[in-house]
Amino acid sequence: MADFTVTPEESLKVFHLHGETVLLADHMQLLASGKFCPTQVVRIGANAYGIQCHFELTAEMLENWMNEDEDLLKTDKENLNAIFRNEQPEYLRTGRQLMINFLKTAGY
């Protein structure tokens, strides 16, 4: 779980589970960065965006990941579930807002 910074005054809490990341290239515009993911949100040109987080995460997905993902197999599942339950309302708000913003940007 991590915050990503939209502006110095604004941040959103998101869940991310990434061993890989995108390196910012000259043709990319950085829109948001995170403590553990410096290229959390990018834009390429006028119509392509990349977001590195899991705003679609549900409790069921997390449970599956904790039983399958090499890194999550090493974690304290009870603690991670407790953190997720505590943060889930904010994750939902963030995910909905990201989708609303995406749809507005796409012209819907």
PDB file of N, CA and C in Angstrom:
ATOM      1  N   MET A   1       0.824  -1.159   0.000  1.00  0.00           N
ATOM      2  CA  MET A   1       0.000   0.000   0.000  1.00  0.00           C
ATOM      3  C   MET A   1       0.879   1.236   0.000  1.00  0.00           C
ATOM      4  N   ALA A   2       0.474   2.218  -0.775  1.00  0.00           N
ATOM      5  CA  ALA A   2       1.301   3.410  -0.892  1.00  0.00           C
ATOM      6  C   ALA A   2       0.457   4.584  -1.314  1.00  0.00           C
ATOM      7  N   ASP A   3       0.922   5.757  -0.973  1.00  0.00           N
ATOM      8  CA  ASP A   3       0.325   6.972  -1.483  1.00  0.00           C
ATOM      9  C   ASP A   3       1.046   7.338  -2.755  1.00  0.00           C
ATOM     10  N   PHE A   4       0.339   7.959  -3.687  1.00  0.00           N
ATOM     11  CA  PHE A   4       1.053   8.578  -4.779  1.00  0.00           C
ATOM     12  C   PHE A   4       0.694  10.040  -4.804  1.00  0.00           C
ATOM     13  N   THR A   5       1.654  10.856  -5.154  1.00  0.00           N
ATOM     14  CA  THR A   5       1.517  12.293  -5.103  1.00  0.00           C
ATOM     15  C   THR A   5       1.048  12.820  -6.443  1.00  0.00           C
ATOM     16  N   VAL A   6      -0.072  13.518  -6.417  1.00  0.00           N
ATOM     17  CA  VAL A   6      -0.618  14.137  -7.610  1.00  0.00           C
ATOM     18  C   VAL A   6      -0.030  15.534  -7.749  1.00  0.00           C
ATOM     19  N   THR A   7      -0.060  16.269  -6.679  1.00  0.00           N
ATOM     20  CA  THR A   7       0.609  17.561  -6.574  1.00  0.00           C
ATOM     21  C   THR A   7       1.264  17.564  -5.207  1.00  0.00           C
ATOM     22  N   PRO A   8       2.152  18.502  -4.928  1.00  0.00           N
ATOM     23  CA  PRO A   8       2.751  18.521  -3.594  1.00  0.00           C
ATOM     24  C   PRO A   8       1.720  18.610  -2.468  1.00  0.00           C
ATOM     25  N   GLU A   9       0.534  19.146  -2.778  1.00  0.00           N
ATOM     26  CA  GLU A   9      -0.499  19.308  -1.752  1.00  0.00           C
ATOM     27  C   GLU A   9      -1.511  18.168  -1.738  1.00  0.00           C
ATOM     28  N   GLU A  10      -1.489  17.303  -2.733  1.00  0.00           N
ATOM     29  CA  GLU A  10      -2.529  16.295  -2.876  1.00  0.00           C
ATOM     30  C   GLU A  10      -1.921  14.908  -3.084  1.00  0.00           C
ATOM     31  N   SER A  11      -2.449  13.921  -2.361  1.00  0.00           N
ATOM     32  CA  SER A  11      -2.021  12.548  -2.590  1.00  0.00           C
ATOM     33  C   SER A  11      -3.228  11.630  -2.492  1.00  0.00           C
ATOM     34  N   LEU A  12      -3.121  10.494  -3.131  1.00  0.00           N
ATOM     35  CA  LEU A  12      -4.161   9.474  -3.127  1.00  0.00           C
ATOM     36  C   LEU A  12      -3.560   8.180  -2.624  1.00  0.00           C
ATOM     37  N   LYS A  13      -4.311   7.463  -1.813  1.00  0.00           N
ATOM     38  CA  LYS A  13      -3.830   6.181  -1.305  1.00  0.00           C
ATOM     39  C   LYS A  13      -4.232   5.084  -2.283  1.00  0.00           C
ATOM     40  N   VAL A  14      -3.254   4.287  -2.694  1.00  0.00           N
ATOM     41  CA  VAL A  14      -3.498   3.190  -3.631  1.00  0.00           C
ATOM     42  C   VAL A  14      -2.755   1.942  -3.162  1.00  0.00           C
ATOM     43  N   PHE A  15      -3.192   0.804  -3.662  1.00  0.00           N
ATOM     44  CA  PHE A  15      -2.486  -0.449  -3.422  1.00  0.00           C
ATOM     45  C   PHE A  15      -1.657  -0.740  -4.661  1.00  0.00           C
ATOM     46  N   HIS A  16      -0.403  -1.013  -4.442  1.00  0.00           N
ATOM     47  CA  HIS A  16       0.391  -1.461  -5.584  1.00  0.00           C
ATOM     48  C   HIS A  16       1.282  -2.606  -5.170  1.00  0.00           C
ATOM     49  N   LEU A  17       1.456  -3.481  -6.131  1.00  0.00           N
ATOM     50  CA  LEU A  17       2.254  -4.684  -5.946  1.00  0.00           C
ATOM     51  C   LEU A  17       3.042  -4.841  -7.227  1.00  0.00           C
ATOM     52  N   HIS A  18       4.202  -4.219  -7.269  1.00  0.00           N
ATOM     53  CA  HIS A  18       4.970  -4.185  -8.499  1.00  0.00           C
ATOM     54  C   HIS A  18       6.424  -4.510  -8.251  1.00  0.00           C
ATOM     55  N   GLY A  19       6.916  -5.478  -8.954  1.00  0.00           N
ATOM     56  CA  GLY A  19       8.338  -5.709  -9.000  1.00  0.00           C
ATOM     57  C   GLY A  19       8.952  -4.976 -10.177  1.00  0.00           C
ATOM     58  N   GLU A  20       8.105  -4.658 -11.135  1.00  0.00           N
ATOM     59  CA  GLU A  20       8.551  -3.949 -12.329  1.00  0.00           C
ATOM     60  C   GLU A  20       8.001  -2.535 -12.290  1.00  0.00           C
ATOM     61  N   THR A  21       8.616  -1.674 -13.058  1.00  0.00           N
ATOM     62  CA  THR A  21       8.112  -0.312 -13.176  1.00  0.00           C
ATOM     63  C   THR A  21       8.481   0.233 -14.548  1.00  0.00           C
ATOM     64  N   VAL A  22       7.940   1.360 -14.876  1.00  0.00           N
ATOM     65  CA  VAL A  22       8.205   2.031 -16.143  1.00  0.00           C
ATOM     66  C   VAL A  22       9.256   3.097 -15.898  1.00  0.00           C
ATOM     67  N   LEU A  23      10.240   3.152 -16.766  1.00  0.00           N
ATOM     68  CA  LEU A  23      11.225   4.233 -16.695  1.00  0.00           C
ATOM     69  C   LEU A  23      10.703   5.396 -17.525  1.00  0.00           C
ATOM     70  N   LEU A  24      10.728   6.575 -16.954  1.00  0.00           N
ATOM     71  CA  LEU A  24      10.223   7.758 -17.640  1.00  0.00           C
ATOM     72  C   LEU A  24      11.108   8.093 -18.829  1.00  0.00           C
ATOM     73  N   ALA A  25      10.509   8.182 -20.008  1.00  0.00           N
ATOM     74  CA  ALA A  25      11.219   8.533 -21.245  1.00  0.00           C
ATOM     75  C   ALA A  25      10.902   9.983 -21.588  1.00  0.00           C
ATOM     76  N   ASP A  26      11.674  10.548 -22.494  1.00  0.00           N
ATOM     77  CA  ASP A  26      11.515  11.955 -22.866  1.00  0.00           C
ATOM     78  C   ASP A  26      10.116  12.282 -23.376  1.00  0.00           C
ATOM     79  N   HIS A  27       9.467  11.338 -24.055  1.00  0.00           N
ATOM     80  CA  HIS A  27       8.151  11.602 -24.630  1.00  0.00           C
ATOM     81  C   HIS A  27       7.005  11.379 -23.644  1.00  0.00           C
ATOM     82  N   MET A  28       7.320  11.063 -22.382  1.00  0.00           N
ATOM     83  CA  MET A  28       6.307  10.822 -21.358  1.00  0.00           C
ATOM     84  C   MET A  28       6.222  12.015 -20.417  1.00  0.00           C
ATOM     85  N   GLN A  29       5.012  12.295 -19.969  1.00  0.00           N
ATOM     86  CA  GLN A  29       4.809  13.335 -18.967  1.00  0.00           C
ATOM     87  C   GLN A  29       4.456  12.644 -17.651  1.00  0.00           C
ATOM     88  N   LEU A  30       5.214  12.917 -16.620  1.00  0.00           N
ATOM     89  CA  LEU A  30       4.940  12.358 -15.297  1.00  0.00           C
ATOM     90  C   LEU A  30       3.781  13.122 -14.671  1.00  0.00           C
ATOM     91  N   LEU A  31       2.730  12.410 -14.298  1.00  0.00           N
ATOM     92  CA  LEU A  31       1.559  13.038 -13.685  1.00  0.00           C
ATOM     93  C   LEU A  31       1.488  12.800 -12.183  1.00  0.00           C
ATOM     94  N   ALA A  32       2.069  11.682 -11.728  1.00  0.00           N
ATOM     95  CA  ALA A  32       2.056  11.370 -10.298  1.00  0.00           C
ATOM     96  C   ALA A  32       3.180  10.404  -9.988  1.00  0.00           C
ATOM     97  N   SER A  33       3.736  10.557  -8.805  1.00  0.00           N
ATOM     98  CA  SER A  33       4.795   9.658  -8.368  1.00  0.00           C
ATOM     99  C   SER A  33       4.450   9.110  -6.997  1.00  0.00           C
ATOM    100  N   GLY A  34       5.053   7.982  -6.669  1.00  0.00           N
ATOM    101  CA  GLY A  34       4.801   7.351  -5.384  1.00  0.00           C
ATOM    102  C   GLY A  34       6.096   7.104  -4.642  1.00  0.00           C
ATOM    103  N   LYS A  35       5.963   6.861  -3.371  1.00  0.00           N
ATOM    104  CA  LYS A  35       7.126   6.605  -2.522  1.00  0.00           C
ATOM    105  C   LYS A  35       7.926   5.402  -3.034  1.00  0.00           C
ATOM    106  N   PHE A  36       7.227   4.353  -3.457  1.00  0.00           N
ATOM    107  CA  PHE A  36       7.887   3.134  -3.908  1.00  0.00           C
ATOM    108  C   PHE A  36       7.850   2.971  -5.423  1.00  0.00           C
ATOM    109  N   CYS A  37       7.195   3.895  -6.108  1.00  0.00           N
ATOM    110  CA  CYS A  37       7.042   3.810  -7.565  1.00  0.00           C
ATOM    111  C   CYS A  37       7.139   5.222  -8.137  1.00  0.00           C
ATOM    112  N   PRO A  38       8.325   5.635  -8.571  1.00  0.00           N
ATOM    113  CA  PRO A  38       8.513   7.024  -9.008  1.00  0.00           C
ATOM    114  C   PRO A  38       7.722   7.396 -10.257  1.00  0.00           C
ATOM    115  N   THR A  39       7.301   6.427 -11.053  1.00  0.00           N
ATOM    116  CA  THR A  39       6.477   6.720 -12.232  1.00  0.00           C
ATOM    117  C   THR A  39       5.109   6.070 -12.058  1.00  0.00           C
ATOM    118  N   GLN A  40       4.345   6.544 -11.089  1.00  0.00           N
ATOM    119  CA  GLN A  40       3.052   5.952 -10.745  1.00  0.00           C
ATOM    120  C   GLN A  40       2.000   6.229 -11.825  1.00  0.00           C
ATOM    121  N   VAL A  41       1.978   7.452 -12.365  1.00  0.00           N
ATOM    122  CA  VAL A  41       1.018   7.802 -13.416  1.00  0.00           C
ATOM    123  C   VAL A  41       1.752   8.618 -14.476  1.00  0.00           C
ATOM    124  N   VAL A  42       1.585   8.219 -15.733  1.00  0.00           N
ATOM    125  CA  VAL A  42       2.233   8.928 -16.839  1.00  0.00           C
ATOM    126  C   VAL A  42       1.225   9.167 -17.965  1.00  0.00           C
ATOM    127  N   ARG A  43       1.555  10.135 -18.797  1.00  0.00           N
ATOM    128  CA  ARG A  43       0.794  10.375 -20.026  1.00  0.00           C
ATOM    129  C   ARG A  43       1.773  10.374 -21.186  1.00  0.00           C
ATOM    130  N   ILE A  44       1.344   9.750 -22.260  1.00  0.00           N
ATOM    131  CA  ILE A  44       2.142   9.724 -23.488  1.00  0.00           C
ATOM    132  C   ILE A  44       1.265  10.325 -24.582  1.00  0.00           C
ATOM    133  N   GLY A  45       1.676  11.447 -25.118  1.00  0.00           N
ATOM    134  CA  GLY A  45       0.867  12.113 -26.127  1.00  0.00           C
ATOM    135  C   GLY A  45      -0.418  12.640 -25.531  1.00  0.00           C
ATOM    136  N   ALA A  46      -1.432  12.753 -26.368  1.00  0.00           N
ATOM    137  CA  ALA A  46      -2.697  13.332 -25.924  1.00  0.00           C
ATOM    138  C   ALA A  46      -3.667  12.301 -25.358  1.00  0.00           C
ATOM    139  N   ASN A  47      -3.495  11.013 -25.713  1.00  0.00           N
ATOM    140  CA  ASN A  47      -4.533  10.041 -25.383  1.00  0.00           C
ATOM    141  C   ASN A  47      -4.092   8.782 -24.670  1.00  0.00           C
ATOM    142  N   ALA A  48      -2.837   8.629 -24.346  1.00  0.00           N
ATOM    143  CA  ALA A  48      -2.376   7.400 -23.694  1.00  0.00           C
ATOM    144  C   ALA A  48      -1.923   7.697 -22.274  1.00  0.00           C
ATOM    145  N   TYR A  49      -2.445   6.918 -21.340  1.00  0.00           N
ATOM    146  CA  TYR A  49      -2.110   7.074 -19.930  1.00  0.00           C
ATOM    147  C   TYR A  49      -1.666   5.729 -19.372  1.00  0.00           C
ATOM    148  N   GLY A  50      -0.807   5.767 -18.391  1.00  0.00           N
ATOM    149  CA  GLY A  50      -0.401   4.570 -17.681  1.00  0.00           C
ATOM    150  C   GLY A  50      -0.519   4.809 -16.188  1.00  0.00           C
ATOM    151  N   ILE A  51      -1.146   3.878 -15.493  1.00  0.00           N
ATOM    152  CA  ILE A  51      -1.313   3.971 -14.037  1.00  0.00           C
ATOM    153  C   ILE A  51      -0.773   2.687 -13.440  1.00  0.00           C
ATOM    154  N   GLN A  52       0.151   2.816 -12.519  1.00  0.00           N
ATOM    155  CA  GLN A  52       0.725   1.649 -11.850  1.00  0.00           C
ATOM    156  C   GLN A  52       0.193   1.568 -10.430  1.00  0.00           C
ATOM    157  N   CYS A  53      -0.953   0.954 -10.298  1.00  0.00           N
ATOM    158  CA  CYS A  53      -1.533   0.635  -9.000  1.00  0.00           C
ATOM    159  C   CYS A  53      -2.703  -0.301  -9.265  1.00  0.00           C
ATOM    160  N   HIS A  54      -3.271  -0.825  -8.224  1.00  0.00           N
ATOM    161  CA  HIS A  54      -4.392  -1.749  -8.371  1.00  0.00           C
ATOM    162  C   HIS A  54      -5.629  -1.132  -7.742  1.00  0.00           C
ATOM    163  N   PHE A  55      -6.232  -0.178  -8.463  1.00  0.00           N
ATOM    164  CA  PHE A  55      -7.449   0.444  -7.942  1.00  0.00           C
ATOM    165  C   PHE A  55      -8.658  -0.475  -8.100  1.00  0.00           C
ATOM    166  N   GLU A  56      -8.481  -1.606  -8.779  1.00  0.00           N
ATOM    167  CA  GLU A  56      -9.555  -2.583  -8.964  1.00  0.00           C
ATOM    168  C   GLU A  56      -9.570  -3.640  -7.856  1.00  0.00           C
ATOM    169  N   LEU A  57      -8.665  -3.548  -6.905  1.00  0.00           N
ATOM    170  CA  LEU A  57      -8.469  -4.588  -5.900  1.00  0.00           C
ATOM    171  C   LEU A  57      -9.705  -4.814  -5.030  1.00  0.00           C
ATOM    172  N   THR A  58     -10.065  -6.081  -4.894  1.00  0.00           N
ATOM    173  CA  THR A  58     -11.134  -6.502  -3.988  1.00  0.00           C
ATOM    174  C   THR A  58     -10.524  -7.426  -2.928  1.00  0.00           C
ATOM    175  N   ALA A  59     -11.279  -7.682  -1.874  1.00  0.00           N
ATOM    176  CA  ALA A  59     -10.806  -8.592  -0.829  1.00  0.00           C
ATOM    177  C   ALA A  59     -10.547  -9.984  -1.402  1.00  0.00           C
ATOM    178  N   GLU A  60     -11.397 -10.421  -2.326  1.00  0.00           N
ATOM    179  CA  GLU A  60     -11.234 -11.741  -2.937  1.00  0.00           C
ATOM    180  C   GLU A  60      -9.954 -11.806  -3.777  1.00  0.00           C
ATOM    181  N   MET A  61      -9.693 -10.745  -4.527  1.00  0.00           N
ATOM    182  CA  MET A  61      -8.467 -10.704  -5.327  1.00  0.00           C
ATOM    183  C   MET A  61      -7.242 -10.750  -4.423  1.00  0.00           C
ATOM    184  N   LEU A  62      -7.267  -9.973  -3.350  1.00  0.00           N
ATOM    185  CA  LEU A  62      -6.130  -9.947  -2.436  1.00  0.00           C
ATOM    186  C   LEU A  62      -5.901 -11.331  -1.838  1.00  0.00           C
ATOM    187  N   GLU A  63      -6.971 -12.006  -1.460  1.00  0.00           N
ATOM    188  CA  GLU A  63      -6.843 -13.353  -0.903  1.00  0.00           C
ATOM    189  C   GLU A  63      -6.190 -14.297  -1.916  1.00  0.00           C
ATOM    190  N   ASN A  64      -6.625 -14.222  -3.166  1.00  0.00           N
ATOM    191  CA  ASN A  64      -6.014 -15.050  -4.215  1.00  0.00           C
ATOM    192  C   ASN A  64      -4.541 -14.715  -4.385  1.00  0.00           C
ATOM    193  N   TRP A  65      -4.228 -13.444  -4.433  1.00  0.00           N
ATOM    194  CA  TRP A  65      -2.836 -13.018  -4.614  1.00  0.00           C
ATOM    195  C   TRP A  65      -1.963 -13.482  -3.457  1.00  0.00           C
ATOM    196  N   MET A  66      -2.508 -13.405  -2.228  1.00  0.00           N
ATOM    197  CA  MET A  66      -1.718 -13.813  -1.065  1.00  0.00           C
ATOM    198  C   MET A  66      -1.400 -15.302  -1.099  1.00  0.00           C
ATOM    199  N   ASN A  67      -2.195 -16.073  -1.838  1.00  0.00           N
ATOM    200  CA  ASN A  67      -1.966 -17.513  -1.948  1.00  0.00           C
ATOM    201  C   ASN A  67      -1.184 -17.897  -3.199  1.00  0.00           C
ATOM    202  N   GLU A  68      -0.903 -16.909  -4.072  1.00  0.00           N
ATOM    203  CA  GLU A  68      -0.227 -17.202  -5.327  1.00  0.00           C
ATOM    204  C   GLU A  68       1.044 -16.401  -5.560  1.00  0.00           C
ATOM    205  N   ASP A  69       1.065 -15.144  -5.133  1.00  0.00           N
ATOM    206  CA  ASP A  69       2.188 -14.258  -5.431  1.00  0.00           C
ATOM    207  C   ASP A  69       3.394 -14.591  -4.556  1.00  0.00           C
ATOM    208  N   GLU A  70       4.527 -14.714  -5.199  1.00  0.00           N
ATOM    209  CA  GLU A  70       5.765 -15.093  -4.506  1.00  0.00           C
ATOM    210  C   GLU A  70       6.094 -14.144  -3.347  1.00  0.00           C
ATOM    211  N   ASP A  71       5.946 -12.847  -3.559  1.00  0.00           N
ATOM    212  CA  ASP A  71       6.239 -11.880  -2.497  1.00  0.00           C
ATOM    213  C   ASP A  71       5.186 -11.910  -1.394  1.00  0.00           C
ATOM    214  N   LEU A  72       3.918 -12.005  -1.780  1.00  0.00           N
ATOM    215  CA  LEU A  72       2.851 -11.997  -0.771  1.00  0.00           C
ATOM    216  C   LEU A  72       2.804 -13.281   0.037  1.00  0.00           C
ATOM    217  N   LEU A  73       3.318 -14.382  -0.512  1.00  0.00           N
ATOM    218  CA  LEU A  73       3.378 -15.623   0.257  1.00  0.00           C
ATOM    219  C   LEU A  73       4.243 -15.465   1.503  1.00  0.00           C
ATOM    220  N   LYS A  74       5.159 -14.509   1.483  1.00  0.00           N
ATOM    221  CA  LYS A  74       6.082 -14.276   2.595  1.00  0.00           C
ATOM    222  C   LYS A  74       5.527 -13.300   3.627  1.00  0.00           C
ATOM    223  N   THR A  75       4.368 -12.703   3.360  1.00  0.00           N
ATOM    224  CA  THR A  75       3.840 -11.673   4.257  1.00  0.00           C
ATOM    225  C   THR A  75       2.960 -12.271   5.342  1.00  0.00           C
ATOM    226  N   ASP A  76       2.692 -11.460   6.332  1.00  0.00           N
ATOM    227  CA  ASP A  76       1.749 -11.802   7.383  1.00  0.00           C
ATOM    228  C   ASP A  76       0.350 -11.548   6.826  1.00  0.00           C
ATOM    229  N   LYS A  77      -0.340 -12.595   6.422  1.00  0.00           N
ATOM    230  CA  LYS A  77      -1.630 -12.469   5.746  1.00  0.00           C
ATOM    231  C   LYS A  77      -2.676 -11.785   6.625  1.00  0.00           C
ATOM    232  N   GLU A  78      -2.681 -12.119   7.899  1.00  0.00           N
ATOM    233  CA  GLU A  78      -3.653 -11.522   8.811  1.00  0.00           C
ATOM    234  C   GLU A  78      -3.454 -10.010   8.897  1.00  0.00           C
ATOM    235  N   ASN A  79      -2.213  -9.588   8.993  1.00  0.00           N
ATOM    236  CA  ASN A  79      -1.901  -8.157   9.064  1.00  0.00           C
ATOM    237  C   ASN A  79      -2.265  -7.456   7.754  1.00  0.00           C
ATOM    238  N   LEU A  80      -1.911  -8.062   6.624  1.00  0.00           N
ATOM    239  CA  LEU A  80      -2.221  -7.457   5.327  1.00  0.00           C
ATOM    240  C   LEU A  80      -3.727  -7.342   5.121  1.00  0.00           C
ATOM    241  N   ASN A  81      -4.483  -8.364   5.517  1.00  0.00           N
ATOM    242  CA  ASN A  81      -5.940  -8.291   5.427  1.00  0.00           C
ATOM    243  C   ASN A  81      -6.498  -7.182   6.310  1.00  0.00           C
ATOM    244  N   ALA A  82      -5.951  -7.026   7.500  1.00  0.00           N
ATOM    245  CA  ALA A  82      -6.412  -5.965   8.411  1.00  0.00           C
ATOM    246  C   ALA A  82      -6.128  -4.588   7.817  1.00  0.00           C
ATOM    247  N   ILE A  83      -4.945  -4.417   7.251  1.00  0.00           N
ATOM    248  CA  ILE A  83      -4.603  -3.140   6.612  1.00  0.00           C
ATOM    249  C   ILE A  83      -5.553  -2.883   5.450  1.00  0.00           C
ATOM    250  N   PHE A  84      -5.777  -3.897   4.631  1.00  0.00           N
ATOM    251  CA  PHE A  84      -6.670  -3.737   3.482  1.00  0.00           C
ATOM    252  C   PHE A  84      -8.077  -3.346   3.934  1.00  0.00           C
ATOM    253  N   ARG A  85      -8.626  -4.040   4.923  1.00  0.00           N
ATOM    254  CA  ARG A  85      -9.974  -3.711   5.403  1.00  0.00           C
ATOM    255  C   ARG A  85     -10.043  -2.268   5.886  1.00  0.00           C
ATOM    256  N   ASN A  86      -8.994  -1.802   6.549  1.00  0.00           N
ATOM    257  CA  ASN A  86      -8.957  -0.429   7.048  1.00  0.00           C
ATOM    258  C   ASN A  86      -8.880   0.588   5.910  1.00  0.00           C
ATOM    259  N   GLU A  87      -8.123   0.273   4.879  1.00  0.00           N
ATOM    260  CA  GLU A  87      -7.891   1.213   3.770  1.00  0.00           C
ATOM    261  C   GLU A  87      -8.885   1.070   2.623  1.00  0.00           C
ATOM    262  N   GLN A  88      -9.660  -0.010   2.589  1.00  0.00           N
ATOM    263  CA  GLN A  88     -10.522  -0.290   1.441  1.00  0.00           C
ATOM    264  C   GLN A  88     -11.474   0.856   1.089  1.00  0.00           C
ATOM    265  N   PRO A  89     -12.123   1.534   2.036  1.00  0.00           N
ATOM    266  CA  PRO A  89     -13.004   2.643   1.625  1.00  0.00           C
ATOM    267  C   PRO A  89     -12.262   3.729   0.842  1.00  0.00           C
ATOM    268  N   GLU A  90     -11.052   4.041   1.244  1.00  0.00           N
ATOM    269  CA  GLU A  90     -10.285   5.043   0.508  1.00  0.00           C
ATOM    270  C   GLU A  90      -9.850   4.523  -0.857  1.00  0.00           C
ATOM    271  N   TYR A  91      -9.484   3.240  -0.933  1.00  0.00           N
ATOM    272  CA  TYR A  91      -9.145   2.641  -2.226  1.00  0.00           C
ATOM    273  C   TYR A  91     -10.336   2.729  -3.184  1.00  0.00           C
ATOM    274  N   LEU A  92     -11.532   2.436  -2.674  1.00  0.00           N
ATOM    275  CA  LEU A  92     -12.734   2.504  -3.508  1.00  0.00           C
ATOM    276  C   LEU A  92     -12.981   3.920  -4.020  1.00  0.00           C
ATOM    277  N   ARG A  93     -12.859   4.914  -3.136  1.00  0.00           N
ATOM    278  CA  ARG A  93     -13.034   6.312  -3.554  1.00  0.00           C
ATOM    279  C   ARG A  93     -12.013   6.679  -4.626  1.00  0.00           C
ATOM    280  N   THR A  94     -10.775   6.306  -4.409  1.00  0.00           N
ATOM    281  CA  THR A  94      -9.723   6.611  -5.376  1.00  0.00           C
ATOM    282  C   THR A  94     -10.003   5.928  -6.713  1.00  0.00           C
ATOM    283  N   GLY A  95     -10.352   4.642  -6.684  1.00  0.00           N
ATOM    284  CA  GLY A  95     -10.634   3.904  -7.911  1.00  0.00           C
ATOM    285  C   GLY A  95     -11.792   4.500  -8.684  1.00  0.00           C
ATOM    286  N   ARG A  96     -12.857   4.846  -7.973  1.00  0.00           N
ATOM    287  CA  ARG A  96     -14.006   5.462  -8.647  1.00  0.00           C
ATOM    288  C   ARG A  96     -13.623   6.794  -9.272  1.00  0.00           C
ATOM    289  N   GLN A  97     -12.866   7.599  -8.542  1.00  0.00           N
ATOM    290  CA  GLN A  97     -12.474   8.899  -9.077  1.00  0.00           C
ATOM    291  C   GLN A  97     -11.560   8.749 -10.289  1.00  0.00           C
ATOM    292  N   LEU A  98     -10.638   7.795 -10.241  1.00  0.00           N
ATOM    293  CA  LEU A  98      -9.781   7.535 -11.406  1.00  0.00           C
ATOM    294  C   LEU A  98     -10.614   7.143 -12.623  1.00  0.00           C
ATOM    295  N   MET A  99     -11.614   6.290 -12.424  1.00  0.00           N
ATOM    296  CA  MET A  99     -12.465   5.877 -13.545  1.00  0.00           C
ATOM    297  C   MET A  99     -13.307   7.037 -14.054  1.00  0.00           C
ATOM    298  N   ILE A 100     -13.867   7.836 -13.164  1.00  0.00           N
ATOM    299  CA  ILE A 100     -14.653   9.002 -13.579  1.00  0.00           C
ATOM    300  C   ILE A 100     -13.774   9.952 -14.387  1.00  0.00           C
ATOM    301  N   ASN A 101     -12.582  10.210 -13.890  1.00  0.00           N
ATOM    302  CA  ASN A 101     -11.653  11.104 -14.609  1.00  0.00           C
ATOM    303  C   ASN A 101     -11.286  10.523 -15.973  1.00  0.00           C
ATOM    304  N   PHE A 102     -11.044   9.225 -16.026  1.00  0.00           N
ATOM    305  CA  PHE A 102     -10.717   8.577 -17.299  1.00  0.00           C
ATOM    306  C   PHE A 102     -11.857   8.729 -18.286  1.00  0.00           C
ATOM    307  N   LEU A 103     -13.081   8.456 -17.843  1.00  0.00           N
ATOM    308  CA  LEU A 103     -14.232   8.552 -18.738  1.00  0.00           C
ATOM    309  C   LEU A 103     -14.449   9.981 -19.220  1.00  0.00           C
ATOM    310  N   LYS A 104     -14.252  10.958 -18.347  1.00  0.00           N
ATOM    311  CA  LYS A 104     -14.359  12.362 -18.766  1.00  0.00           C
ATOM    312  C   LYS A 104     -13.293  12.688 -19.798  1.00  0.00           C
ATOM    313  N   THR A 105     -12.071  12.242 -19.556  1.00  0.00           N
ATOM    314  CA  THR A 105     -10.977  12.485 -20.495  1.00  0.00           C
ATOM    315  C   THR A 105     -11.264  11.836 -21.844  1.00  0.00           C
ATOM    316  N   ALA A 106     -11.899  10.658 -21.811  1.00  0.00           N
ATOM    317  CA  ALA A 106     -12.229   9.923 -23.046  1.00  0.00           C
ATOM    318  C   ALA A 106     -13.461  10.497 -23.741  1.00  0.00           C
ATOM    319  N   GLY A 107     -14.132  11.453 -23.123  1.00  0.00           N
ATOM    320  CA  GLY A 107     -15.282  12.093 -23.749  1.00  0.00           C
ATOM    321  C   GLY A 107     -16.626  11.468 -23.434  1.00  0.00           C
ATOM    322  N   TYR A 108     -16.718  10.697 -22.372  1.00  0.00           N
ATOM    323  CA  TYR A 108     -17.994  10.081 -21.986  1.00  0.00           C
ATOM    324  C   TYR A 108     -18.637  10.809 -20.849  1.00  0.00           C
TER     325      TYR A 108
END
